[in-house]
Protein backbone atom coordinates (compact mmCIF):
# COMPACT_ATOMS: atom_id res chain seq x y z
CA MET A 1 129.19 141.33 130.50
CA ALA A 2 130.71 141.82 133.94
CA CYS A 3 132.59 138.97 135.53
CA PHE A 4 134.80 138.59 138.54
CA THR A 5 137.33 135.93 139.34
CA SER A 6 137.48 133.78 142.40
CA CYS A 7 139.85 130.83 142.65
CA ASP A 8 140.39 130.98 138.87
CA SER A 9 136.70 130.58 138.09
CA ARG A 10 134.75 133.27 136.29
CA ILE A 11 131.16 134.03 137.15
CA ASP A 12 128.91 135.50 134.50
CA MET A 13 126.90 138.12 136.37
CA ASP A 14 124.08 137.77 133.84
CA GLU A 15 123.83 133.97 133.82
CA PRO A 16 120.51 132.94 135.42
CA ASP A 17 120.57 130.53 138.35
CA PRO A 18 118.97 127.34 137.01
CA SER A 19 116.85 126.98 140.16
CA THR A 20 115.45 130.49 140.44
CA GLY A 21 116.14 132.17 137.11
CA LEU A 22 117.75 135.06 138.99
CA THR A 23 121.12 136.32 137.83
CA PRO A 24 123.98 137.18 140.19
CA ARG A 25 123.50 140.82 139.19
CA GLN A 26 119.81 140.66 140.16
CA LYS A 27 120.68 138.99 143.46
CA ASP A 28 123.20 141.76 144.18
CA ALA A 29 120.53 144.39 143.43
CA LEU A 30 118.09 142.63 145.77
CA ARG A 31 120.68 142.42 148.54
CA SER A 32 121.79 146.03 148.21
CA THR A 33 118.28 147.49 148.10
CA TRP A 34 117.03 145.31 150.95
CA LYS A 35 120.07 146.28 153.04
CA VAL A 36 118.97 149.92 152.79
CA ALA A 37 115.26 149.18 153.25
CA SER A 38 115.81 147.02 156.32
CA VAL A 39 118.10 149.31 158.34
CA ASN A 40 115.30 149.93 160.88
CA PRO A 41 113.27 146.75 160.43
CA VAL A 42 110.43 147.22 162.93
CA PRO A 43 109.49 150.83 162.07
CA THR A 44 109.88 150.03 158.36
CA GLY A 45 107.73 146.93 158.73
CA VAL A 46 105.03 148.85 160.60
CA THR A 47 105.03 151.53 157.90
CA PHE A 48 104.72 148.81 155.26
CA PHE A 49 101.76 147.17 157.00
CA ILE A 50 99.97 150.50 157.45
CA ARG A 51 100.49 151.11 153.73
CA LEU A 52 99.18 147.60 153.04
CA PHE A 53 96.06 148.14 155.17
CA LYS A 54 95.38 151.50 153.51
CA THR A 55 95.89 150.06 150.02
CA LEU A 56 94.14 146.73 150.63
CA PRO A 57 91.78 147.23 153.57
CA ALA A 58 90.58 143.61 153.26
CA ALA A 59 94.07 142.46 154.29
CA MET A 60 93.38 143.67 157.83
CA SER A 61 90.66 141.01 158.13
CA TYR A 62 93.40 138.35 158.31
CA PHE A 63 94.46 139.86 161.65
CA LYS A 64 91.68 139.01 164.12
CA THR A 65 93.52 141.02 166.80
CA PHE A 66 92.85 144.20 164.85
CA ASP A 67 89.17 143.51 164.23
CA GLY A 68 87.26 146.75 164.73
CA MET A 69 90.35 148.77 165.68
CA PRO A 70 90.98 152.08 163.93
CA LEU A 71 94.17 152.16 161.88
CA SER A 72 95.65 154.74 164.27
CA GLU A 73 95.43 152.17 167.11
CA VAL A 74 96.64 149.32 164.93
CA GLU A 75 99.72 151.38 164.07
CA LYS A 76 100.62 151.62 167.79
CA SER A 77 99.91 147.95 168.51
CA GLY A 78 102.63 145.74 169.91
CA LYS A 79 101.16 142.87 167.90
CA LEU A 80 101.65 144.83 164.68
CA ARG A 81 105.25 145.58 165.67
CA ALA A 82 105.78 141.86 166.33
CA HIS A 83 104.30 140.85 162.98
CA ALA A 84 106.25 143.63 161.23
CA SER A 85 109.44 142.31 162.81
CA ASN A 86 108.65 138.74 161.69
CA PHE A 87 107.86 139.99 158.18
CA MET A 88 111.08 141.97 157.86
CA HIS A 89 113.19 139.12 159.21
CA GLY A 90 111.38 136.71 156.89
CA VAL A 91 112.23 138.81 153.85
CA THR A 92 115.81 139.08 155.13
CA GLY A 93 115.93 135.28 155.38
CA MET A 94 114.79 134.95 151.79
CA ILE A 95 117.27 137.54 150.55
CA ASP A 96 120.05 135.85 152.52
CA SER A 97 119.11 132.51 150.90
CA LEU A 98 119.14 133.62 147.26
CA ASP A 99 122.23 131.48 146.59
CA ASP A 100 120.75 128.43 148.36
CA ALA A 101 117.63 127.52 146.40
CA GLU A 102 116.78 124.56 148.64
CA CYS A 103 116.79 126.77 151.73
CA LEU A 104 114.88 129.54 149.92
CA VAL A 105 112.17 127.08 148.86
CA SER A 106 111.91 125.73 152.42
CA ILE A 107 111.48 129.24 153.83
CA ILE A 108 108.76 130.01 151.29
CA GLN A 109 106.99 126.69 151.90
CA LYS A 110 106.93 127.34 155.66
CA LEU A 111 105.60 130.85 155.04
CA THR A 112 102.91 129.41 152.76
CA ILE A 113 101.84 126.77 155.29
CA ASN A 114 101.56 129.41 158.04
CA HIS A 115 99.47 131.68 155.82
CA HIS A 116 97.40 128.87 154.30
CA ARG A 117 96.03 128.13 157.78
CA ARG A 118 94.53 131.63 157.65
CA ASN A 119 93.09 130.98 154.18
CA ILE A 120 95.50 133.41 152.52
CA LYS A 121 95.60 132.54 148.82
CA PRO A 122 98.30 133.13 146.17
CA GLU A 123 96.24 136.04 144.80
CA THR A 124 96.62 137.78 148.16
CA PHE A 125 100.38 137.20 148.12
CA GLN A 126 100.46 138.72 144.63
CA ALA A 127 98.54 141.80 145.80
CA VAL A 128 100.86 142.18 148.81
CA PHE A 129 103.88 141.94 146.51
CA GLY A 130 102.45 144.80 144.45
CA VAL A 131 102.17 146.94 147.57
CA LEU A 132 105.68 145.89 148.64
CA LEU A 133 107.18 146.92 145.30
CA THR A 134 105.52 150.33 145.45
CA PHE A 135 106.56 150.70 149.09
CA LEU A 136 110.19 149.89 148.24
CA GLU A 137 110.17 152.34 145.33
CA ASP A 138 108.81 155.10 147.58
CA THR A 139 111.11 154.24 150.48
CA LEU A 140 114.30 153.79 148.49
CA GLU A 141 113.64 156.58 145.97
CA SER A 142 116.75 156.92 143.77
CA LYS A 143 118.33 153.76 145.19
CA MET A 144 115.54 151.74 143.52
CA ASP A 145 116.54 152.06 139.88
CA GLN A 146 114.73 150.24 137.07
CA PHE A 147 117.11 147.29 137.21
CA SER A 148 116.48 146.85 140.96
CA LYS A 149 112.73 147.17 140.44
CA ASN A 150 112.90 144.47 137.76
CA ALA A 151 114.93 142.27 140.13
CA TRP A 152 112.23 142.65 142.82
CA GLU A 153 109.55 141.82 140.27
CA ALA A 154 111.55 138.72 139.28
CA VAL A 155 112.06 137.50 142.85
CA THR A 156 108.42 138.07 143.81
CA SER A 157 107.48 136.07 140.71
CA VAL A 158 109.72 133.22 141.91
CA ILE A 159 108.19 133.41 145.39
CA LEU A 160 104.66 133.46 143.98
CA ARG A 161 105.39 130.42 141.83
CA ILE A 162 106.57 128.48 144.90
CA VAL A 163 103.63 129.72 147.01
CA THR A 164 101.15 128.68 144.33
CA LYS A 165 102.66 125.19 144.02
CA GLU A 166 102.71 124.74 147.80
CA VAL A 167 99.07 125.85 148.11
CA GLU A 168 98.09 123.37 145.37
CA ASP A 169 99.94 120.59 147.22
CA LEU A 170 98.31 121.56 150.54
CA GLU A 171 94.84 121.57 148.98
CA ILE A 172 95.42 118.15 147.39
CA SER A 173 96.60 116.85 150.76
CA GLU A 174 93.56 118.31 152.50
CA ASN A 175 91.21 116.77 149.95
CA ASP A 176 92.90 113.37 150.34
CA CYS A 177 92.23 113.54 154.09
CA LYS A 178 88.49 114.13 153.63
């Protein structure tokens, strides 16, 4: 068990955060792998979205701007670069908020609300997370060891749990307004 001292307090690197279930060691793995993956955020984000559209072609239907465009044109689109930038900065915001569960939840709720307006369901988030994990493994190669992969699976599970709860709350609210 690895610990470090700070102001005479010891932190157990394997003690799960009661809010997220993530350990400090997992959070460190997430931060270090994302730091490498996000060095060039816009090109990396574009590459991710092209991978997403190739893996899950139906995902492109959520982007009305790209309707009928060949993937080669989509890849050059300024709108894709803008969305890729937002995506990468959004993930950075979540990673930066791993020690502030209240902030992390707020970021995820806002993300969910924005995507719910486009009828994007938790199942779609789950599928995107699968593509993201594979993308990170391929992009990071040896830097994405099994522990880091497990940490990414854990954090995407946390995010999905929050997304699912927020979608349920939004749907209840919508039904109450009818």
